[in-house]
């Protein structure tokens, strides 16, 4: 199911004024939704995400660019939290931390343009360049005490791309936004692979039987997808639409500015593949998202409902690869 570019442009021209309304967490275009579930039809709608469906913002339009509007309760938040399982060999789906109780998921071991193997996750999970990444948990440094045991360290953050790395604000309605289509980071794996430190092997692909990735592609509405997160394990969902602007509640933007993500993809849970009724929760940020029934990666999960919920948000993995100069489809063979 394709969304015509001219329709995206028409809706995007109006989203700034909607997004600035108190209680709106995102605006996009995708499947029409009724009673909390996407429609089975191909009818498109402008999806306005709100923090509380029982207390919606005032003055919301009934239509945008001749498309009907549907309200969706979705208080979007970056998903990060701790876990305790140690992975050897190291591969996608493992929990990582850059500080105690501040963690997420290793999406995949990726191959960069220089031929080096690196870890791939979200910027809000890894922190800034130079930060050490650990698996499964970060060691706590105590003032005056011995240095942390480096055995669980993986390497330091190499590069990051996110709204926090955007320096030129863009007007959106009456707001000045710092927006990116990507929340992603790479980190070295030298400490993990050093026989004197981590002494671990690394593998391509994702754990829990997901296997190696053989291709990447952009997501599209009505695509069924699957992911393996460090907190919720393997779950499946349905791509419901393209979010043209959505909250990115991490860090502190300059005064008078807002951090946002743009051109993001919204996912709704598939009950048949979510045994506990949850697609993702805190700790799943950084998970690689694959097209259901294939080895094709389509997204990098970064947002959802912290305590666990039926909705999530992901970046387009092809844009992640382009911005960071990496490939998640590679093999030792």
C-alpha atoms as a PDB file:
ATOM      1  CA  UNK A   1       0.000   0.000   0.000  1.00  0.00           C
ATOM      2  CA  UNK A   2       1.656   3.214  -1.195  1.00  0.00           C
ATOM      3  CA  UNK A   3       0.959   6.757  -0.011  1.00  0.00           C
ATOM      4  CA  UNK A   4       1.206   9.251  -2.925  1.00  0.00           C
ATOM      5  CA  UNK A   5       3.990  11.779  -2.389  1.00  0.00           C
ATOM      6  CA  UNK A   6       1.731  14.697  -3.293  1.00  0.00           C
ATOM      7  CA  UNK A   7      -0.670  13.628  -0.551  1.00  0.00           C
ATOM      8  CA  UNK A   8       2.194  13.399   1.980  1.00  0.00           C
ATOM      9  CA  UNK A   9       3.299  16.904   0.977  1.00  0.00           C
ATOM     10  CA  UNK A  10      -0.223  18.306   1.343  1.00  0.00           C
ATOM     11  CA  UNK A  11      -0.678  16.846   4.815  1.00  0.00           C
ATOM     12  CA  UNK A  12       2.835  17.767   5.932  1.00  0.00           C
ATOM     13  CA  UNK A  13       2.147  21.412   5.082  1.00  0.00           C
ATOM     14  CA  UNK A  14      -0.540  21.465   7.786  1.00  0.00           C
ATOM     15  CA  UNK A  15       0.865  19.271  10.549  1.00  0.00           C
ATOM     16  CA  UNK A  16       2.822  22.015  12.322  1.00  0.00           C
ATOM     17  CA  UNK A  17      -0.287  23.861  13.437  1.00  0.00           C
ATOM     18  CA  UNK A  18      -1.864  20.634  14.675  1.00  0.00           C
ATOM     19  CA  UNK A  19       1.234  19.341  16.476  1.00  0.00           C
ATOM     20  CA  UNK A  20       1.605  22.509  18.559  1.00  0.00           C
ATOM     21  CA  UNK A  21      -1.792  21.935  20.218  1.00  0.00           C
ATOM     22  CA  UNK A  22      -1.445  20.831  23.834  1.00  0.00           C
ATOM     23  CA  UNK A  23      -1.965  17.090  24.172  1.00  0.00           C
ATOM     24  CA  UNK A  24      -0.955  16.173  20.603  1.00  0.00           C
ATOM     25  CA  UNK A  25       2.039  13.806  20.505  1.00  0.00           C
ATOM     26  CA  UNK A  26       2.260  13.217  16.762  1.00  0.00           C
ATOM     27  CA  UNK A  27       0.605  13.664  13.370  1.00  0.00           C
ATOM     28  CA  UNK A  28       0.824  11.322  10.403  1.00  0.00           C
ATOM     29  CA  UNK A  29      -0.964   9.663   7.539  1.00  0.00           C
ATOM     30  CA  UNK A  30      -1.991   6.029   7.300  1.00  0.00           C
ATOM     31  CA  UNK A  31      -4.767   3.547   7.966  1.00  0.00           C
ATOM     32  CA  UNK A  32      -8.068   4.836   9.300  1.00  0.00           C
ATOM     33  CA  UNK A  33      -8.724   3.598  12.826  1.00  0.00           C
ATOM     34  CA  UNK A  34     -11.962   2.919  14.681  1.00  0.00           C
ATOM     35  CA  UNK A  35     -12.491   1.769  18.276  1.00  0.00           C
ATOM     36  CA  UNK A  36      -8.753   1.482  18.840  1.00  0.00           C
ATOM     37  CA  UNK A  37      -7.993  -0.794  15.870  1.00  0.00           C
ATOM     38  CA  UNK A  38      -6.840  -0.133  12.280  1.00  0.00           C
ATOM     39  CA  UNK A  39      -9.444  -0.600   9.567  1.00  0.00           C
ATOM     40  CA  UNK A  40      -9.216  -3.567   7.191  1.00  0.00           C
ATOM     41  CA  UNK A  41      -9.892  -1.247   4.248  1.00  0.00           C
ATOM     42  CA  UNK A  42      -7.341   0.752   2.253  1.00  0.00           C
ATOM     43  CA  UNK A  43      -8.966   4.035   3.272  1.00  0.00           C
ATOM     44  CA  UNK A  44      -6.349   6.559   4.324  1.00  0.00           C
ATOM     45  CA  UNK A  45      -6.768   9.058   7.144  1.00  0.00           C
ATOM     46  CA  UNK A  46      -4.754  11.668   8.970  1.00  0.00           C
ATOM     47  CA  UNK A  47      -3.795  10.026  12.264  1.00  0.00           C
ATOM     48  CA  UNK A  48      -3.508  12.502  15.151  1.00  0.00           C
ATOM     49  CA  UNK A  49      -1.813  10.955  18.180  1.00  0.00           C
ATOM     50  CA  UNK A  50      -2.973  12.293  21.545  1.00  0.00           C
ATOM     51  CA  UNK A  51      -1.781  11.701  25.095  1.00  0.00           C
ATOM     52  CA  UNK A  52      -5.305  11.121  26.464  1.00  0.00           C
ATOM     53  CA  UNK A  53      -8.239  10.146  24.285  1.00  0.00           C
ATOM     54  CA  UNK A  54     -10.647  11.089  27.087  1.00  0.00           C
ATOM     55  CA  UNK A  55      -9.301  14.631  27.128  1.00  0.00           C
ATOM     56  CA  UNK A  56      -8.504  15.475  23.493  1.00  0.00           C
ATOM     57  CA  UNK A  57      -7.148  18.876  22.482  1.00  0.00           C
ATOM     58  CA  UNK A  58      -9.608  21.546  21.449  1.00  0.00           C
ATOM     59  CA  UNK A  59      -9.904  22.884  17.905  1.00  0.00           C
ATOM     60  CA  UNK A  60      -8.755  19.729  16.117  1.00  0.00           C
ATOM     61  CA  UNK A  61      -9.749  19.703  12.430  1.00  0.00           C
ATOM     62  CA  UNK A  62     -12.239  17.158  11.108  1.00  0.00           C
ATOM     63  CA  UNK A  63     -10.242  16.733   7.902  1.00  0.00           C
ATOM     64  CA  UNK A  64      -6.810  17.596   6.528  1.00  0.00           C
ATOM     65  CA  UNK A  65      -6.002  17.758   2.808  1.00  0.00           C
ATOM     66  CA  UNK A  66      -9.462  16.272   2.151  1.00  0.00           C
ATOM     67  CA  UNK A  67      -8.658  13.233   4.303  1.00  0.00           C
ATOM     68  CA  UNK A  68     -10.726  12.326   7.371  1.00  0.00           C
ATOM     69  CA  UNK A  69      -9.086  12.630  10.787  1.00  0.00           C
ATOM     70  CA  UNK A  70      -8.899   9.838  13.359  1.00  0.00           C
ATOM     71  CA  UNK A  71      -7.657  10.255  16.927  1.00  0.00           C
ATOM     72  CA  UNK A  72      -5.271   7.664  18.369  1.00  0.00           C
ATOM     73  CA  UNK A  73      -4.256   7.514  22.045  1.00  0.00           C
ATOM     74  CA  UNK A  74      -0.479   7.133  22.020  1.00  0.00           C
ATOM     75  CA  UNK A  75       1.778   8.954  24.517  1.00  0.00           C
ATOM     76  CA  UNK A  76       5.014   8.309  22.618  1.00  0.00           C
ATOM     77  CA  UNK A  77       8.191   7.845  24.694  1.00  0.00           C
ATOM     78  CA  UNK A  78      11.674   6.453  23.994  1.00  0.00           C
ATOM     79  CA  UNK A  79      11.892   2.871  25.288  1.00  0.00           C
ATOM     80  CA  UNK A  80      14.885   2.066  27.491  1.00  0.00           C
ATOM     81  CA  UNK A  81      15.400   0.020  30.695  1.00  0.00           C
ATOM     82  CA  UNK A  82      17.805  -2.630  32.112  1.00  0.00           C
ATOM     83  CA  UNK A  83      18.095  -6.413  31.619  1.00  0.00           C
ATOM     84  CA  UNK A  84      20.524  -9.043  32.932  1.00  0.00           C
ATOM     85  CA  UNK A  85      21.240 -11.760  30.315  1.00  0.00           C
ATOM     86  CA  UNK A  86      24.804 -11.947  28.926  1.00  0.00           C
ATOM     87  CA  UNK A  87      25.147 -12.915  25.244  1.00  0.00           C
ATOM     88  CA  UNK A  88      28.129 -14.799  23.827  1.00  0.00           C
ATOM     89  CA  UNK A  89      28.223 -14.806  20.875  1.00  0.00           C
ATOM     90  CA  UNK A  90      26.932 -11.244  20.669  1.00  0.00           C
ATOM     91  CA  UNK A  91      24.148 -10.552  18.143  1.00  0.00           C
ATOM     92  CA  UNK A  92      20.993  -8.497  17.648  1.00  0.00           C
ATOM     93  CA  UNK A  93      18.303  -8.592  20.331  1.00  0.00           C
ATOM     94  CA  UNK A  94      20.711  -8.436  23.289  1.00  0.00           C
ATOM     95  CA  UNK A  95      20.236  -5.910  26.079  1.00  0.00           C
ATOM     96  CA  UNK A  96      22.848  -3.139  26.328  1.00  0.00           C
ATOM     97  CA  UNK A  97      23.532  -0.288  28.765  1.00  0.00           C
ATOM     98  CA  UNK A  98      25.587   2.888  28.737  1.00  0.00           C
ATOM     99  CA  UNK A  99      25.014   3.496  32.467  1.00  0.00           C
ATOM    100  CA  UNK A 100      23.353   1.502  35.258  1.00  0.00           C
ATOM    101  CA  UNK A 101      19.582   1.287  34.649  1.00  0.00           C
ATOM    102  CA  UNK A 102      19.830   3.199  31.348  1.00  0.00           C
ATOM    103  CA  UNK A 103      19.699   0.595  28.616  1.00  0.00           C
ATOM    104  CA  UNK A 104      18.004  -0.685  25.524  1.00  0.00           C
ATOM    105  CA  UNK A 105      18.510  -3.259  22.776  1.00  0.00           C
ATOM    106  CA  UNK A 106      21.373  -4.002  20.403  1.00  0.00           C
ATOM    107  CA  UNK A 107      19.577  -3.977  17.065  1.00  0.00           C
ATOM    108  CA  UNK A 108      22.302  -5.804  15.198  1.00  0.00           C
ATOM    109  CA  UNK A 109      26.000  -6.176  14.666  1.00  0.00           C
ATOM    110  CA  UNK A 110      26.475  -4.105  11.500  1.00  0.00           C
ATOM    111  CA  UNK A 111      29.256  -3.711   8.946  1.00  0.00           C
ATOM    112  CA  UNK A 112      30.423  -0.130   8.383  1.00  0.00           C
ATOM    113  CA  UNK A 113      31.760   1.333   5.145  1.00  0.00           C
ATOM    114  CA  UNK A 114      35.358   0.802   6.299  1.00  0.00           C
ATOM    115  CA  UNK A 115      34.764  -2.925   6.790  1.00  0.00           C
ATOM    116  CA  UNK A 116      34.561  -2.790  10.587  1.00  0.00           C
ATOM    117  CA  UNK A 117      31.967  -4.616  12.660  1.00  0.00           C
ATOM    118  CA  UNK A 118      30.050  -2.222  14.920  1.00  0.00           C
ATOM    119  CA  UNK A 119      27.031  -2.321  17.208  1.00  0.00           C
ATOM    120  CA  UNK A 120      23.838  -0.568  16.102  1.00  0.00           C
ATOM    121  CA  UNK A 121      21.206   0.844  18.440  1.00  0.00           C
ATOM    122  CA  UNK A 122      19.478   4.184  19.231  1.00  0.00           C
ATOM    123  CA  UNK A 123      21.241   7.390  20.260  1.00  0.00           C
ATOM    124  CA  UNK A 124      19.003   7.783  23.304  1.00  0.00           C
ATOM    125  CA  UNK A 125      20.127   4.288  24.372  1.00  0.00           C
ATOM    126  CA  UNK A 126      23.883   4.642  23.807  1.00  0.00           C
ATOM    127  CA  UNK A 127      24.551   8.250  24.733  1.00  0.00           C
ATOM    128  CA  UNK A 128      27.102  10.407  22.949  1.00  0.00           C
ATOM    129  CA  UNK A 129      30.377   9.471  21.192  1.00  0.00           C
ATOM    130  CA  UNK A 130      33.004   8.236  23.635  1.00  0.00           C
ATOM    131  CA  UNK A 131      30.479   6.631  25.989  1.00  0.00           C
ATOM    132  CA  UNK A 132      31.274   3.003  26.845  1.00  0.00           C
ATOM    133  CA  UNK A 133      28.557   0.443  26.060  1.00  0.00           C
ATOM    134  CA  UNK A 134      28.118  -2.655  28.234  1.00  0.00           C
ATOM    135  CA  UNK A 135      26.283  -5.953  27.882  1.00  0.00           C
ATOM    136  CA  UNK A 136      24.273  -6.972  29.795  1.00  0.00           C
ATOM    137  CA  UNK A 137      24.651  -4.215  32.414  1.00  0.00           C
ATOM    138  CA  UNK A 138      26.945  -1.271  32.998  1.00  0.00           C
ATOM    139  CA  UNK A 139      29.414  -1.396  35.845  1.00  0.00           C
ATOM    140  CA  UNK A 140      28.944   1.176  38.593  1.00  0.00           C
ATOM    141  CA  UNK A 141      32.039   3.305  39.222  1.00  0.00           C
ATOM    142  CA  UNK A 142      32.526   4.139  42.896  1.00  0.00           C
ATOM    143  CA  UNK A 143      34.544   7.203  43.881  1.00  0.00           C
ATOM    144  CA  UNK A 144      37.747   6.101  45.559  1.00  0.00           C
ATOM    145  CA  UNK A 145      37.075   2.451  44.720  1.00  0.00           C
ATOM    146  CA  UNK A 146      38.683   0.103  42.186  1.00  0.00           C
ATOM    147  CA  UNK A 147      37.946   0.683  38.488  1.00  0.00           C
ATOM    148  CA  UNK A 148      34.981  -1.206  37.018  1.00  0.00           C
ATOM    149  CA  UNK A 149      35.645  -4.716  35.709  1.00  0.00           C
ATOM    150  CA  UNK A 150      35.767  -4.267  31.892  1.00  0.00           C
ATOM    151  CA  UNK A 151      34.765  -7.884  31.108  1.00  0.00           C
ATOM    152  CA  UNK A 152      31.205  -6.890  30.078  1.00  0.00           C
ATOM    153  CA  UNK A 153      32.217  -3.776  28.123  1.00  0.00           C
ATOM    154  CA  UNK A 154      31.673  -3.834  24.350  1.00  0.00           C
ATOM    155  CA  UNK A 155      33.299  -0.635  23.102  1.00  0.00           C
ATOM    156  CA  UNK A 156      32.745   3.112  22.869  1.00  0.00           C
ATOM    157  CA  UNK A 157      30.093   5.012  20.898  1.00  0.00           C
ATOM    158  CA  UNK A 158      31.426   6.065  17.494  1.00  0.00           C
ATOM    159  CA  UNK A 159      28.668   8.097  15.822  1.00  0.00           C
ATOM    160  CA  UNK A 160      25.141   9.300  16.571  1.00  0.00           C
ATOM    161  CA  UNK A 161      22.260  10.784  14.579  1.00  0.00           C
ATOM    162  CA  UNK A 162      19.080  12.064  16.278  1.00  0.00           C
ATOM    163  CA  UNK A 163      17.121  15.266  16.922  1.00  0.00           C
ATOM    164  CA  UNK A 164      19.755  16.119  19.558  1.00  0.00           C
ATOM    165  CA  UNK A 165      22.395  16.269  16.794  1.00  0.00           C
ATOM    166  CA  UNK A 166      20.339  18.626  14.617  1.00  0.00           C
ATOM    167  CA  UNK A 167      21.590  22.217  14.817  1.00  0.00           C
ATOM    168  CA  UNK A 168      19.423  24.090  12.306  1.00  0.00           C
ATOM    169  CA  UNK A 169      15.831  24.585  13.550  1.00  0.00           C
ATOM    170  CA  UNK A 170      12.921  24.266  11.141  1.00  0.00           C
ATOM    171  CA  UNK A 171       9.688  26.270  11.580  1.00  0.00           C
ATOM    172  CA  UNK A 172       6.619  24.057  12.101  1.00  0.00           C
ATOM    173  CA  UNK A 173       3.553  26.143  12.758  1.00  0.00           C
ATOM    174  CA  UNK A 174       4.626  28.606  15.432  1.00  0.00           C
ATOM    175  CA  UNK A 175       7.268  26.175  16.766  1.00  0.00           C
ATOM    176  CA  UNK A 176      10.976  25.884  16.043  1.00  0.00           C
ATOM    177  CA  UNK A 177      11.706  22.168  15.848  1.00  0.00           C
ATOM    178  CA  UNK A 178      14.947  20.223  15.752  1.00  0.00           C
ATOM    179  CA  UNK A 179      13.930  17.129  13.843  1.00  0.00           C
ATOM    180  CA  UNK A 180      15.536  14.064  12.317  1.00  0.00           C
ATOM    181  CA  UNK A 181      14.198  10.940  10.569  1.00  0.00           C
ATOM    182  CA  UNK A 182      16.654   8.842  12.611  1.00  0.00           C
ATOM    183  CA  UNK A 183      17.442   8.082  16.265  1.00  0.00           C
ATOM    184  CA  UNK A 184      20.472   5.825  15.870  1.00  0.00           C
ATOM    185  CA  UNK A 185      24.066   5.233  16.911  1.00  0.00           C
ATOM    186  CA  UNK A 186      27.010   2.948  16.285  1.00  0.00           C
ATOM    187  CA  UNK A 187      29.583   1.760  18.793  1.00  0.00           C
ATOM    188  CA  UNK A 188      32.843  -0.160  18.571  1.00  0.00           C
ATOM    189  CA  UNK A 189      33.065  -3.841  19.509  1.00  0.00           C
ATOM    190  CA  UNK A 190      36.824  -3.887  20.156  1.00  0.00           C
ATOM    191  CA  UNK A 191      36.508  -4.530  23.889  1.00  0.00           C
ATOM    192  CA  UNK A 192      33.932  -7.281  23.393  1.00  0.00           C
ATOM    193  CA  UNK A 193      36.176  -9.103  20.915  1.00  0.00           C
ATOM    194  CA  UNK A 194      39.465  -8.549  22.755  1.00  0.00           C
ATOM    195  CA  UNK A 195      40.626 -11.918  24.217  1.00  0.00           C
ATOM    196  CA  UNK A 196      41.985 -10.058  27.260  1.00  0.00           C
ATOM    197  CA  UNK A 197      38.730  -8.176  27.970  1.00  0.00           C
ATOM    198  CA  UNK A 198      35.403  -9.537  26.724  1.00  0.00           C
ATOM    199  CA  UNK A 199      36.656 -12.522  24.738  1.00  0.00           C
ATOM    200  CA  UNK A 200      33.355 -12.810  22.865  1.00  0.00           C
ATOM    201  CA  UNK A 201      32.427 -13.880  19.397  1.00  0.00           C
ATOM    202  CA  UNK A 202      29.994 -11.813  17.340  1.00  0.00           C
ATOM    203  CA  UNK A 203      27.407 -12.935  14.805  1.00  0.00           C
ATOM    204  CA  UNK A 204      25.242 -11.292  12.150  1.00  0.00           C
ATOM    205  CA  UNK A 205      21.482 -11.278  12.534  1.00  0.00           C
ATOM    206  CA  UNK A 206      19.121 -11.441  15.491  1.00  0.00           C
ATOM    207  CA  UNK A 207      18.703 -13.972  18.291  1.00  0.00           C
ATOM    208  CA  UNK A 208      15.593 -16.073  19.088  1.00  0.00           C
ATOM    209  CA  UNK A 209      15.693 -17.838  15.733  1.00  0.00           C
ATOM    210  CA  UNK A 210      15.402 -14.667  13.630  1.00  0.00           C
ATOM    211  CA  UNK A 211      18.636 -15.532  11.845  1.00  0.00           C
ATOM    212  CA  UNK A 212      20.773 -13.441   9.505  1.00  0.00           C
ATOM    213  CA  UNK A 213      19.444 -10.409   7.642  1.00  0.00           C
ATOM    214  CA  UNK A 214      19.710 -10.749   3.863  1.00  0.00           C
ATOM    215  CA  UNK A 215      18.268  -7.390   2.728  1.00  0.00           C
ATOM    216  CA  UNK A 216      16.913  -4.027   3.858  1.00  0.00           C
ATOM    217  CA  UNK A 217      13.914  -2.083   2.554  1.00  0.00           C
ATOM    218  CA  UNK A 218      11.668   0.803   3.505  1.00  0.00           C
ATOM    219  CA  UNK A 219       8.448  -0.086   5.361  1.00  0.00           C
ATOM    220  CA  UNK A 220       5.016   0.526   3.833  1.00  0.00           C
ATOM    221  CA  UNK A 221       1.511   0.684   5.347  1.00  0.00           C
ATOM    222  CA  UNK A 222      -0.210  -2.702   5.863  1.00  0.00           C
ATOM    223  CA  UNK A 223       3.145  -4.525   6.075  1.00  0.00           C
ATOM    224  CA  UNK A 224       3.259  -7.165   8.821  1.00  0.00           C
ATOM    225  CA  UNK A 225       6.487  -6.957  10.821  1.00  0.00           C
ATOM    226  CA  UNK A 226       8.312  -8.698  13.675  1.00  0.00           C
ATOM    227  CA  UNK A 227      10.956  -7.644  16.161  1.00  0.00           C
ATOM    228  CA  UNK A 228      13.013  -9.164  18.971  1.00  0.00           C
ATOM    229  CA  UNK A 229      13.436  -6.755  21.892  1.00  0.00           C
ATOM    230  CA  UNK A 230      15.535  -7.236  25.012  1.00  0.00           C
ATOM    231  CA  UNK A 231      12.450  -6.832  27.212  1.00  0.00           C
ATOM    232  CA  UNK A 232       9.488  -8.303  25.320  1.00  0.00           C
ATOM    233  CA  UNK A 233      11.270 -10.843  23.129  1.00  0.00           C
ATOM    234  CA  UNK A 234       9.775 -11.692  19.721  1.00  0.00           C
ATOM    235  CA  UNK A 235       6.513  -9.924  18.842  1.00  0.00           C
ATOM    236  CA  UNK A 236       4.666  -9.084  15.631  1.00  0.00           C
ATOM    237  CA  UNK A 237       2.741  -6.076  14.397  1.00  0.00           C
ATOM    238  CA  UNK A 238       1.214  -4.177  11.484  1.00  0.00           C
ATOM    239  CA  UNK A 239       2.585  -0.965   9.968  1.00  0.00           C
ATOM    240  CA  UNK A 240      -0.329   1.472  10.189  1.00  0.00           C
ATOM    241  CA  UNK A 241       1.099   4.652   8.728  1.00  0.00           C
ATOM    242  CA  UNK A 242       3.727   7.332   8.279  1.00  0.00           C
ATOM    243  CA  UNK A 243       4.079   9.816  11.143  1.00  0.00           C
ATOM    244  CA  UNK A 244       5.195  13.108   9.655  1.00  0.00           C
ATOM    245  CA  UNK A 245       5.980  14.607  13.059  1.00  0.00           C
ATOM    246  CA  UNK A 246       6.072  12.940  16.478  1.00  0.00           C
ATOM    247  CA  UNK A 247       7.381  13.713  19.978  1.00  0.00           C
ATOM    248  CA  UNK A 248      10.969  12.788  20.883  1.00  0.00           C
ATOM    249  CA  UNK A 249      11.041  13.241  24.651  1.00  0.00           C
ATOM    250  CA  UNK A 250      14.719  12.826  25.380  1.00  0.00           C
ATOM    251  CA  UNK A 251      17.340  15.355  26.395  1.00  0.00           C
ATOM    252  CA  UNK A 252      16.769  19.092  26.711  1.00  0.00           C
ATOM    253  CA  UNK A 253      16.280  21.168  23.557  1.00  0.00           C
ATOM    254  CA  UNK A 254      17.419  24.813  23.481  1.00  0.00           C
ATOM    255  CA  UNK A 255      14.904  27.332  24.873  1.00  0.00           C
ATOM    256  CA  UNK A 256      12.028  27.906  22.468  1.00  0.00           C
ATOM    257  CA  UNK A 257      12.720  24.719  20.513  1.00  0.00           C
ATOM    258  CA  UNK A 258      11.292  21.189  20.499  1.00  0.00           C
ATOM    259  CA  UNK A 259      12.904  17.854  19.662  1.00  0.00           C
ATOM    260  CA  UNK A 260      10.816  15.852  17.174  1.00  0.00           C
ATOM    261  CA  UNK A 261      11.200  12.874  14.881  1.00  0.00           C
ATOM    262  CA  UNK A 262       9.903  13.166  11.323  1.00  0.00           C
ATOM    263  CA  UNK A 263       8.937  10.635   8.648  1.00  0.00           C
ATOM    264  CA  UNK A 264       8.551   7.822  11.208  1.00  0.00           C
ATOM    265  CA  UNK A 265       6.574   4.594  10.884  1.00  0.00           C
ATOM    266  CA  UNK A 266       3.845   3.613  13.321  1.00  0.00           C
ATOM    267  CA  UNK A 267       3.304  -0.049  14.285  1.00  0.00           C
ATOM    268  CA  UNK A 268       0.168  -1.624  15.811  1.00  0.00           C
ATOM    269  CA  UNK A 269       0.407  -4.983  17.580  1.00  0.00           C
ATOM    270  CA  UNK A 270      -0.730  -8.235  15.969  1.00  0.00           C
ATOM    271  CA  UNK A 271      -2.569 -10.155  18.731  1.00  0.00           C
ATOM    272  CA  UNK A 272      -1.557 -13.504  17.237  1.00  0.00           C
ATOM    273  CA  UNK A 273       2.125 -12.657  17.724  1.00  0.00           C
ATOM    274  CA  UNK A 274       1.970 -10.829  21.046  1.00  0.00           C
ATOM    275  CA  UNK A 275       1.081 -13.434  23.714  1.00  0.00           C
ATOM    276  CA  UNK A 276       0.730 -10.893  26.528  1.00  0.00           C
ATOM    277  CA  UNK A 277      -0.974  -8.256  24.385  1.00  0.00           C
ATOM    278  CA  UNK A 278       2.144  -6.043  24.266  1.00  0.00           C
ATOM    279  CA  UNK A 279       4.250  -5.236  21.211  1.00  0.00           C
ATOM    280  CA  UNK A 280       7.027  -3.411  23.063  1.00  0.00           C
ATOM    281  CA  UNK A 281       7.975  -1.777  26.352  1.00  0.00           C
ATOM    282  CA  UNK A 282      10.857   0.053  28.028  1.00  0.00           C
ATOM    283  CA  UNK A 283      14.128  -1.664  27.102  1.00  0.00           C
ATOM    284  CA  UNK A 284      13.159  -2.476  23.504  1.00  0.00           C
ATOM    285  CA  UNK A 285      14.565   0.706  21.936  1.00  0.00           C
ATOM    286  CA  UNK A 286      17.141  -0.225  19.323  1.00  0.00           C
ATOM    287  CA  UNK A 287      15.384  -3.424  18.231  1.00  0.00           C
ATOM    288  CA  UNK A 288      15.700  -4.290  14.562  1.00  0.00           C
ATOM    289  CA  UNK A 289      12.286  -4.661  12.880  1.00  0.00           C
ATOM    290  CA  UNK A 290      11.893  -7.206  10.059  1.00  0.00           C
ATOM    291  CA  UNK A 291       9.193  -7.825   7.500  1.00  0.00           C
ATOM    292  CA  UNK A 292       7.153 -10.791   8.654  1.00  0.00           C
ATOM    293  CA  UNK A 293       7.993 -13.986   6.754  1.00  0.00           C
ATOM    294  CA  UNK A 294      11.317 -12.705   5.398  1.00  0.00           C
ATOM    295  CA  UNK A 295      14.869 -11.842   6.439  1.00  0.00           C
ATOM    296  CA  UNK A 296      14.447  -8.238   5.301  1.00  0.00           C
ATOM    297  CA  UNK A 297      15.024  -5.506   7.890  1.00  0.00           C
ATOM    298  CA  UNK A 298      12.738  -2.486   7.543  1.00  0.00           C
ATOM    299  CA  UNK A 299      13.061  -0.454  10.749  1.00  0.00           C
ATOM    300  CA  UNK A 300      14.830   0.451  13.980  1.00  0.00           C
ATOM    301  CA  UNK A 301      12.409   0.644  16.920  1.00  0.00           C
ATOM    302  CA  UNK A 302      12.820   3.618  19.260  1.00  0.00           C
ATOM    303  CA  UNK A 303       9.474   4.681  20.732  1.00  0.00           C
ATOM    304  CA  UNK A 304       6.268   3.396  22.259  1.00  0.00           C
ATOM    305  CA  UNK A 305       4.607   3.153  25.652  1.00  0.00           C
ATOM    306  CA  UNK A 306       7.100   2.760  28.502  1.00  0.00           C
ATOM    307  CA  UNK A 307       5.069   0.380  30.672  1.00  0.00           C
ATOM    308  CA  UNK A 308       4.216  -1.746  27.637  1.00  0.00           C
ATOM    309  CA  UNK A 309       1.599  -1.226  24.954  1.00  0.00           C
ATOM    310  CA  UNK A 310       0.109  -2.097  21.612  1.00  0.00           C
ATOM    311  CA  UNK A 311       1.753   0.742  19.644  1.00  0.00           C
ATOM    312  CA  UNK A 312       5.344   1.558  18.696  1.00  0.00           C
ATOM    313  CA  UNK A 313       7.352   3.859  16.425  1.00  0.00           C
ATOM    314  CA  UNK A 314      10.359   3.032  14.258  1.00  0.00           C
ATOM    315  CA  UNK A 315      12.827   4.681  11.875  1.00  0.00           C
ATOM    316  CA  UNK A 316      13.244   3.522   8.281  1.00  0.00           C
ATOM    317  CA  UNK A 317      16.281   1.213   8.432  1.00  0.00           C
ATOM    318  CA  UNK A 318      17.474   2.263   4.958  1.00  0.00           C
ATOM    319  CA  UNK A 319      17.804   5.853   6.200  1.00  0.00           C
ATOM    320  CA  UNK A 320      19.611   4.636   9.334  1.00  0.00           C
ATOM    321  CA  UNK A 321      22.095   2.750   7.143  1.00  0.00           C
ATOM    322  CA  UNK A 322      22.618   5.775   4.911  1.00  0.00           C
ATOM    323  CA  UNK A 323      23.099   8.302   7.734  1.00  0.00           C
ATOM    324  CA  UNK A 324      25.528   6.099   9.698  1.00  0.00           C
ATOM    325  CA  UNK A 325      27.282   4.412   6.770  1.00  0.00           C
ATOM    326  CA  UNK A 326      26.516   0.837   7.845  1.00  0.00           C
ATOM    327  CA  UNK A 327      24.855  -2.304   6.541  1.00  0.00           C
ATOM    328  CA  UNK A 328      22.862  -4.739   8.674  1.00  0.00           C
ATOM    329  CA  UNK A 329      22.721  -7.318   5.870  1.00  0.00           C
ATOM    330  CA  UNK A 330      26.121  -9.017   5.859  1.00  0.00           C
ATOM    331  CA  UNK A 331      27.631 -12.435   6.494  1.00  0.00           C
ATOM    332  CA  UNK A 332      30.964 -13.999   7.414  1.00  0.00           C
ATOM    333  CA  UNK A 333      30.591 -16.265   4.367  1.00  0.00           C
END
